Amino acid sequence: VVFAAGLLLGERMYRLGGFAILALAIGRIFLVDVWKLETLYRIASFLILGAVLLLLGFIYNRFAETIRRWL
């Protein structure tokens, strides 16, 4: 909601705040909640997280200038 408000209002601080809240939520999921899963699900979740991080790194590298202007 904070990120969407930042997009609609054009406010950089709201967008960055939304990213921070999202990062904290994802961090909590993978640092706390994942340890309650069975081993196979835990392995799959870390593999998926790794793939998503690689994809985000590729996208950021490819569109770095556009992203810097947007943020």
PDB file of N, CA and C in Angstrom:
ATOM      1  N   VAL A   1       0.833  -1.184   0.000  1.00  0.00           N
ATOM      2  CA  VAL A   1       0.000   0.000   0.000  1.00  0.00           C
ATOM      3  C   VAL A   1       0.879   1.249   0.000  1.00  0.00           C
ATOM      4  N   VAL A   2       1.951   1.224   0.789  1.00  0.00           N
ATOM      5  CA  VAL A   2       2.848   2.385   0.846  1.00  0.00           C
ATOM      6  C   VAL A   2       3.524   2.593  -0.509  1.00  0.00           C
ATOM      7  N   PHE A   3       3.960   1.501  -1.127  1.00  0.00           N
ATOM      8  CA  PHE A   3       4.600   1.593  -2.441  1.00  0.00           C
ATOM      9  C   PHE A   3       3.630   2.117  -3.495  1.00  0.00           C
ATOM     10  N   ALA A   4       2.406   1.609  -3.479  1.00  0.00           N
ATOM     11  CA  ALA A   4       1.394   2.076  -4.438  1.00  0.00           C
ATOM     12  C   ALA A   4       1.092   3.556  -4.225  1.00  0.00           C
ATOM     13  N   ALA A   5       1.039   3.998  -2.985  1.00  0.00           N
ATOM     14  CA  ALA A   5       0.816   5.414  -2.714  1.00  0.00           C
ATOM     15  C   ALA A   5       1.968   6.250  -3.258  1.00  0.00           C
ATOM     16  N   GLY A   6       3.179   5.749  -3.133  1.00  0.00           N
ATOM     17  CA  GLY A   6       4.332   6.457  -3.682  1.00  0.00           C
ATOM     18  C   GLY A   6       4.265   6.578  -5.187  1.00  0.00           C
ATOM     19  N   LEU A   7       3.784   5.526  -5.851  1.00  0.00           N
ATOM     20  CA  LEU A   7       3.640   5.595  -7.304  1.00  0.00           C
ATOM     21  C   LEU A   7       2.566   6.590  -7.711  1.00  0.00           C
ATOM     22  N   LEU A   8       1.434   6.544  -7.019  1.00  0.00           N
ATOM     23  CA  LEU A   8       0.336   7.437  -7.370  1.00  0.00           C
ATOM     24  C   LEU A   8       0.635   8.904  -7.055  1.00  0.00           C
ATOM     25  N   LEU A   9       1.292   9.130  -5.935  1.00  0.00           N
ATOM     26  CA  LEU A   9       1.589  10.498  -5.528  1.00  0.00           C
ATOM     27  C   LEU A   9       2.890  11.025  -6.123  1.00  0.00           C
ATOM     28  N   GLY A  10       3.711  10.127  -6.657  1.00  0.00           N
ATOM     29  CA  GLY A  10       4.988  10.546  -7.221  1.00  0.00           C
ATOM     30  C   GLY A  10       6.024  10.892  -6.168  1.00  0.00           C
ATOM     31  N   GLU A  11       5.861  10.357  -4.969  1.00  0.00           N
ATOM     32  CA  GLU A  11       6.768  10.645  -3.860  1.00  0.00           C
ATOM     33  C   GLU A  11       7.820   9.550  -3.746  1.00  0.00           C
ATOM     34  N   ARG A  12       9.085   9.951  -3.805  1.00  0.00           N
ATOM     35  CA  ARG A  12      10.185   8.987  -3.736  1.00  0.00           C
ATOM     36  C   ARG A  12      10.261   8.306  -2.372  1.00  0.00           C
ATOM     37  N   MET A  13      10.046   9.043  -1.307  1.00  0.00           N
ATOM     38  CA  MET A  13      10.176   8.476   0.039  1.00  0.00           C
ATOM     39  C   MET A  13       9.146   7.366   0.285  1.00  0.00           C
ATOM     40  N   TYR A  14       7.943   7.520  -0.238  1.00  0.00           N
ATOM     41  CA  TYR A  14       6.934   6.473  -0.079  1.00  0.00           C
ATOM     42  C   TYR A  14       7.338   5.214  -0.848  1.00  0.00           C
ATOM     43  N   ARG A  15       7.884   5.398  -2.049  1.00  0.00           N
ATOM     44  CA  ARG A  15       8.330   4.231  -2.831  1.00  0.00           C
ATOM     45  C   ARG A  15       9.455   3.505  -2.110  1.00  0.00           C
ATOM     46  N   LEU A  16      10.436   4.250  -1.611  1.00  0.00           N
ATOM     47  CA  LEU A  16      11.551   3.620  -0.899  1.00  0.00           C
ATOM     48  C   LEU A  16      11.078   2.977   0.404  1.00  0.00           C
ATOM     49  N   GLY A  17      10.139   3.616   1.078  1.00  0.00           N
ATOM     50  CA  GLY A  17       9.567   3.028   2.285  1.00  0.00           C
ATOM     51  C   GLY A  17       8.827   1.738   1.984  1.00  0.00           C
ATOM     52  N   GLY A  18       8.104   1.715   0.870  1.00  0.00           N
ATOM     53  CA  GLY A  18       7.418   0.496   0.449  1.00  0.00           C
ATOM     54  C   GLY A  18       8.395  -0.621   0.151  1.00  0.00           C
ATOM     55  N   PHE A  19       9.509  -0.281  -0.526  1.00  0.00           N
ATOM     56  CA  PHE A  19      10.542  -1.283  -0.789  1.00  0.00           C
ATOM     57  C   PHE A  19      11.138  -1.809   0.512  1.00  0.00           C
ATOM     58  N   ALA A  20      11.360  -0.927   1.473  1.00  0.00           N
ATOM     59  CA  ALA A  20      11.935  -1.341   2.755  1.00  0.00           C
ATOM     60  C   ALA A  20      10.993  -2.280   3.499  1.00  0.00           C
ATOM     61  N   ILE A  21       9.713  -1.956   3.522  1.00  0.00           N
ATOM     62  CA  ILE A  21       8.736  -2.823   4.188  1.00  0.00           C
ATOM     63  C   ILE A  21       8.672  -4.185   3.502  1.00  0.00           C
ATOM     64  N   LEU A  22       8.695  -4.184   2.177  1.00  0.00           N
ATOM     65  CA  LEU A  22       8.688  -5.444   1.421  1.00  0.00           C
ATOM     66  C   LEU A  22       9.935  -6.268   1.718  1.00  0.00           C
ATOM     67  N   ALA A  23      11.102  -5.619   1.780  1.00  0.00           N
ATOM     68  CA  ALA A  23      12.344  -6.324   2.080  1.00  0.00           C
ATOM     69  C   ALA A  23      12.313  -6.928   3.485  1.00  0.00           C
ATOM     70  N   LEU A  24      11.775  -6.201   4.442  1.00  0.00           N
ATOM     71  CA  LEU A  24      11.670  -6.729   5.807  1.00  0.00           C
ATOM     72  C   LEU A  24      10.727  -7.928   5.869  1.00  0.00           C
ATOM     73  N   ALA A  25       9.626  -7.863   5.136  1.00  0.00           N
ATOM     74  CA  ALA A  25       8.679  -8.984   5.130  1.00  0.00           C
ATOM     75  C   ALA A  25       9.296 -10.222   4.492  1.00  0.00           C
ATOM     76  N   ILE A  26       9.987 -10.044   3.379  1.00  0.00           N
ATOM     77  CA  ILE A  26      10.630 -11.182   2.718  1.00  0.00           C
ATOM     78  C   ILE A  26      11.748 -11.737   3.592  1.00  0.00           C
ATOM     79  N   GLY A  27      12.495 -10.838   4.229  1.00  0.00           N
ATOM     80  CA  GLY A  27      13.550 -11.289   5.140  1.00  0.00           C
ATOM     81  C   GLY A  27      13.001 -12.103   6.292  1.00  0.00           C
ATOM     82  N   ARG A  28      11.889 -11.678   6.853  1.00  0.00           N
ATOM     83  CA  ARG A  28      11.273 -12.429   7.944  1.00  0.00           C
ATOM     84  C   ARG A  28      10.827 -13.802   7.484  1.00  0.00           C
ATOM     85  N   ILE A  29      10.253 -13.858   6.295  1.00  0.00           N
ATOM     86  CA  ILE A  29       9.789 -15.145   5.780  1.00  0.00           C
ATOM     87  C   ILE A  29      10.948 -16.120   5.654  1.00  0.00           C
ATOM     88  N   PHE A  30      12.057 -15.648   5.073  1.00  0.00           N
ATOM     89  CA  PHE A  30      13.158 -16.564   4.827  1.00  0.00           C
ATOM     90  C   PHE A  30      14.076 -16.758   6.013  1.00  0.00           C
ATOM     91  N   LEU A  31      14.033 -15.909   7.006  1.00  0.00           N
ATOM     92  CA  LEU A  31      14.886 -16.102   8.174  1.00  0.00           C
ATOM     93  C   LEU A  31      14.159 -16.746   9.347  1.00  0.00           C
ATOM     94  N   VAL A  32      12.863 -16.600   9.421  1.00  0.00           N
ATOM     95  CA  VAL A  32      12.117 -17.125  10.564  1.00  0.00           C
ATOM     96  C   VAL A  32      11.173 -18.247  10.138  1.00  0.00           C
ATOM     97  N   ASP A  33      10.294 -17.958   9.213  1.00  0.00           N
ATOM     98  CA  ASP A  33       9.233 -18.905   8.871  1.00  0.00           C
ATOM     99  C   ASP A  33       9.726 -20.128   8.110  1.00  0.00           C
ATOM    100  N   VAL A  34      10.799 -19.996   7.349  1.00  0.00           N
ATOM    101  CA  VAL A  34      11.260 -21.118   6.536  1.00  0.00           C
ATOM    102  C   VAL A  34      11.768 -22.270   7.414  1.00  0.00           C
ATOM    103  N   TRP A  35      12.215 -21.981   8.609  1.00  0.00           N
ATOM    104  CA  TRP A  35      12.756 -23.034   9.469  1.00  0.00           C
ATOM    105  C   TRP A  35      11.660 -23.940  10.028  1.00  0.00           C
ATOM    106  N   LYS A  36      10.415 -23.556   9.835  1.00  0.00           N
ATOM    107  CA  LYS A  36       9.302 -24.398  10.273  1.00  0.00           C
ATOM    108  C   LYS A  36       8.885 -25.384   9.188  1.00  0.00           C
ATOM    109  N   LEU A  37       9.487 -25.271   8.004  1.00  0.00           N
ATOM    110  CA  LEU A  37       9.144 -26.146   6.887  1.00  0.00           C
ATOM    111  C   LEU A  37       9.950 -27.437   6.944  1.00  0.00           C
ATOM    112  N   GLU A  38       9.462 -28.429   6.206  1.00  0.00           N
ATOM    113  CA  GLU A  38      10.233 -29.661   6.063  1.00  0.00           C
ATOM    114  C   GLU A  38      11.439 -29.395   5.184  1.00  0.00           C
ATOM    115  N   THR A  39      12.422 -30.285   5.224  1.00  0.00           N
ATOM    116  CA  THR A  39      13.688 -30.076   4.531  1.00  0.00           C
ATOM    117  C   THR A  39      13.508 -29.876   3.036  1.00  0.00           C
ATOM    118  N   LEU A  40      12.691 -30.675   2.385  1.00  0.00           N
ATOM    119  CA  LEU A  40      12.502 -30.571   0.944  1.00  0.00           C
ATOM    120  C   LEU A  40      11.891 -29.225   0.571  1.00  0.00           C
ATOM    121  N   TYR A  41      10.907 -28.764   1.311  1.00  0.00           N
ATOM    122  CA  TYR A  41      10.294 -27.464   1.049  1.00  0.00           C
ATOM    123  C   TYR A  41      11.276 -26.330   1.323  1.00  0.00           C
ATOM    124  N   ARG A  42      12.108 -26.504   2.335  1.00  0.00           N
ATOM    125  CA  ARG A  42      13.110 -25.495   2.654  1.00  0.00           C
ATOM    126  C   ARG A  42      14.124 -25.363   1.512  1.00  0.00           C
ATOM    127  N   ILE A  43      14.577 -26.485   0.978  1.00  0.00           N
ATOM    128  CA  ILE A  43      15.508 -26.467  -0.148  1.00  0.00           C
ATOM    129  C   ILE A  43      14.871 -25.801  -1.355  1.00  0.00           C
ATOM    130  N   ALA A  44      13.634 -26.153  -1.653  1.00  0.00           N
ATOM    131  CA  ALA A  44      12.932 -25.570  -2.796  1.00  0.00           C
ATOM    132  C   ALA A  44      12.755 -24.064  -2.616  1.00  0.00           C
ATOM    133  N   SER A  45      12.432 -23.619  -1.407  1.00  0.00           N
ATOM    134  CA  SER A  45      12.223 -22.196  -1.185  1.00  0.00           C
ATOM    135  C   SER A  45      13.523 -21.413  -1.357  1.00  0.00           C
ATOM    136  N   PHE A  46      14.657 -21.961  -0.917  1.00  0.00           N
ATOM    137  CA  PHE A  46      15.921 -21.268  -1.110  1.00  0.00           C
ATOM    138  C   PHE A  46      16.353 -21.268  -2.570  1.00  0.00           C
ATOM    139  N   LEU A  47      16.059 -22.327  -3.297  1.00  0.00           N
ATOM    140  CA  LEU A  47      16.358 -22.343  -4.729  1.00  0.00           C
ATOM    141  C   LEU A  47      15.520 -21.298  -5.471  1.00  0.00           C
ATOM    142  N   ILE A  48      14.265 -21.193  -5.122  1.00  0.00           N
ATOM    143  CA  ILE A  48      13.400 -20.191  -5.742  1.00  0.00           C
ATOM    144  C   ILE A  48      13.873 -18.788  -5.381  1.00  0.00           C
ATOM    145  N   LEU A  49      14.234 -18.566  -4.126  1.00  0.00           N
ATOM    146  CA  LEU A  49      14.755 -17.261  -3.718  1.00  0.00           C
ATOM    147  C   LEU A  49      16.011 -16.914  -4.503  1.00  0.00           C
ATOM    148  N   GLY A  50      16.910 -17.866  -4.678  1.00  0.00           N
ATOM    149  CA  GLY A  50      18.123 -17.631  -5.454  1.00  0.00           C
ATOM    150  C   GLY A  50      17.819 -17.279  -6.894  1.00  0.00           C
ATOM    151  N   ALA A  51      16.871 -17.987  -7.496  1.00  0.00           N
ATOM    152  CA  ALA A  51      16.500 -17.706  -8.885  1.00  0.00           C
ATOM    153  C   ALA A  51      15.886 -16.315  -9.005  1.00  0.00           C
ATOM    154  N   VAL A  52      15.037 -15.934  -8.068  1.00  0.00           N
ATOM    155  CA  VAL A  52      14.417 -14.610  -8.104  1.00  0.00           C
ATOM    156  C   VAL A  52      15.474 -13.523  -7.935  1.00  0.00           C
ATOM    157  N   LEU A  53      16.430 -13.729  -7.032  1.00  0.00           N
ATOM    158  CA  LEU A  53      17.485 -12.734  -6.840  1.00  0.00           C
ATOM    159  C   LEU A  53      18.364 -12.610  -8.084  1.00  0.00           C
ATOM    160  N   LEU A  54      18.666 -13.719  -8.743  1.00  0.00           N
ATOM    161  CA  LEU A  54      19.424 -13.659  -9.994  1.00  0.00           C
ATOM    162  C   LEU A  54      18.654 -12.899 -11.068  1.00  0.00           C
ATOM    163  N   LEU A  55      17.369 -13.158 -11.169  1.00  0.00           N
ATOM    164  CA  LEU A  55      16.536 -12.471 -12.143  1.00  0.00           C
ATOM    165  C   LEU A  55      16.475 -10.974 -11.861  1.00  0.00           C
ATOM    166  N   LEU A  56      16.301 -10.603 -10.600  1.00  0.00           N
ATOM    167  CA  LEU A  56      16.270  -9.188 -10.239  1.00  0.00           C
ATOM    168  C   LEU A  56      17.611  -8.504 -10.523  1.00  0.00           C
ATOM    169  N   GLY A  57      18.704  -9.206 -10.274  1.00  0.00           N
ATOM    170  CA  GLY A  57      20.022  -8.658 -10.585  1.00  0.00           C
ATOM    171  C   GLY A  57      20.190  -8.430 -12.080  1.00  0.00           C
ATOM    172  N   PHE A  58      19.727  -9.380 -12.881  1.00  0.00           N
ATOM    173  CA  PHE A  58      19.793  -9.233 -14.337  1.00  0.00           C
ATOM    174  C   PHE A  58      18.949  -8.049 -14.801  1.00  0.00           C
ATOM    175  N   ILE A  59      17.734  -7.948 -14.295  1.00  0.00           N
ATOM    176  CA  ILE A  59      16.841  -6.853 -14.685  1.00  0.00           C
ATOM    177  C   ILE A  59      17.432  -5.510 -14.264  1.00  0.00           C
ATOM    178  N   TYR A  60      17.959  -5.434 -13.066  1.00  0.00           N
ATOM    179  CA  TYR A  60      18.545  -4.175 -12.602  1.00  0.00           C
ATOM    180  C   TYR A  60      19.741  -3.784 -13.459  1.00  0.00           C
ATOM    181  N   ASN A  61      20.578  -4.756 -13.786  1.00  0.00           N
ATOM    182  CA  ASN A  61      21.755  -4.476 -14.600  1.00  0.00           C
ATOM    183  C   ASN A  61      21.369  -4.012 -15.998  1.00  0.00           C
ATOM    184  N   ARG A  62      20.346  -4.600 -16.544  1.00  0.00           N
ATOM    185  CA  ARG A  62      19.915  -4.257 -17.899  1.00  0.00           C
ATOM    186  C   ARG A  62      19.232  -2.887 -17.971  1.00  0.00           C
ATOM    187  N   PHE A  63      18.440  -2.565 -16.962  1.00  0.00           N
ATOM    188  CA  PHE A  63      17.665  -1.324 -16.963  1.00  0.00           C
ATOM    189  C   PHE A  63      18.102  -0.368 -15.866  1.00  0.00           C
ATOM    190  N   ALA A  64      19.388  -0.324 -15.539  1.00  0.00           N
ATOM    191  CA  ALA A  64      19.886   0.464 -14.411  1.00  0.00           C
ATOM    192  C   ALA A  64      19.578   1.951 -14.565  1.00  0.00           C
ATOM    193  N   GLU A  65      19.796   2.503 -15.738  1.00  0.00           N
ATOM    194  CA  GLU A  65      19.544   3.941 -15.933  1.00  0.00           C
ATOM    195  C   GLU A  65      18.068   4.283 -15.761  1.00  0.00           C
ATOM    196  N   THR A  66      17.195   3.481 -16.327  1.00  0.00           N
ATOM    197  CA  THR A  66      15.759   3.721 -16.218  1.00  0.00           C
ATOM    198  C   THR A  66      15.321   3.616 -14.761  1.00  0.00           C
ATOM    199  N   ILE A  67      15.825   2.645 -14.049  1.00  0.00           N
ATOM    200  CA  ILE A  67      15.463   2.454 -12.640  1.00  0.00           C
ATOM    201  C   ILE A  67      15.964   3.621 -11.796  1.00  0.00           C
ATOM    202  N   ARG A  68      17.172   4.098 -12.060  1.00  0.00           N
ATOM    203  CA  ARG A  68      17.699   5.244 -11.288  1.00  0.00           C
ATOM    204  C   ARG A  68      16.852   6.491 -11.496  1.00  0.00           C
ATOM    205  N   ARG A  69      16.397   6.727 -12.717  1.00  0.00           N
ATOM    206  CA  ARG A  69      15.533   7.883 -12.966  1.00  0.00           C
ATOM    207  C   ARG A  69      14.183   7.723 -12.292  1.00  0.00           C
ATOM    208  N   TRP A  70      13.679   6.476 -12.248  1.00  0.00           N
ATOM    209  CA  TRP A  70      12.372   6.193 -11.671  1.00  0.00           C
ATOM    210  C   TRP A  70      12.381   6.341 -10.152  1.00  0.00           C
ATOM    211  N   LEU A  71      13.472   5.863  -9.516  1.00  0.00           N
ATOM    212  CA  LEU A  71      13.570   5.958  -8.061  1.00  0.00           C
ATOM    213  C   LEU A  71      14.073   7.335  -7.690  1.00  0.00           C
TER     214      LEU A  71
END
